[in-house]
């Protein structure tokens, strides 16, 4: 019985020691700027197709449609699709607008930080 208590104590001590020595992740990660400049206007038909594909979980096919519909590169389309799936928001028009506004805000914050230095 005593050996079990010692073993459990050693496991708990090891866990605590491991947690204390591991680097803590910052809760404030640097926000990612997704700078998307569509070369085409999103049509209602394309929007409906993309939204439907994303709701069905067909990310790869949605990526293809996003690239074609907006005239953007693979990385930008992937960033949009990843954001949509991460936020569980399958409305591509609102994702594009959210991304545009967030990018403008982050760029303004960076500019402000540079001017304050």
Foldseek 3Di string as FASTA:
>chain_A
DVVVVVVVVVVVVVVVVVVVPDDDDDPDDDDDQLDDDFPADADPVLQVVLLVCVVVVNLVVSLVSVCVRRVTDSVSSNVLSVVCVVVVPSRSVVSVVVSVVVNVVSVVVVVVVVVVD
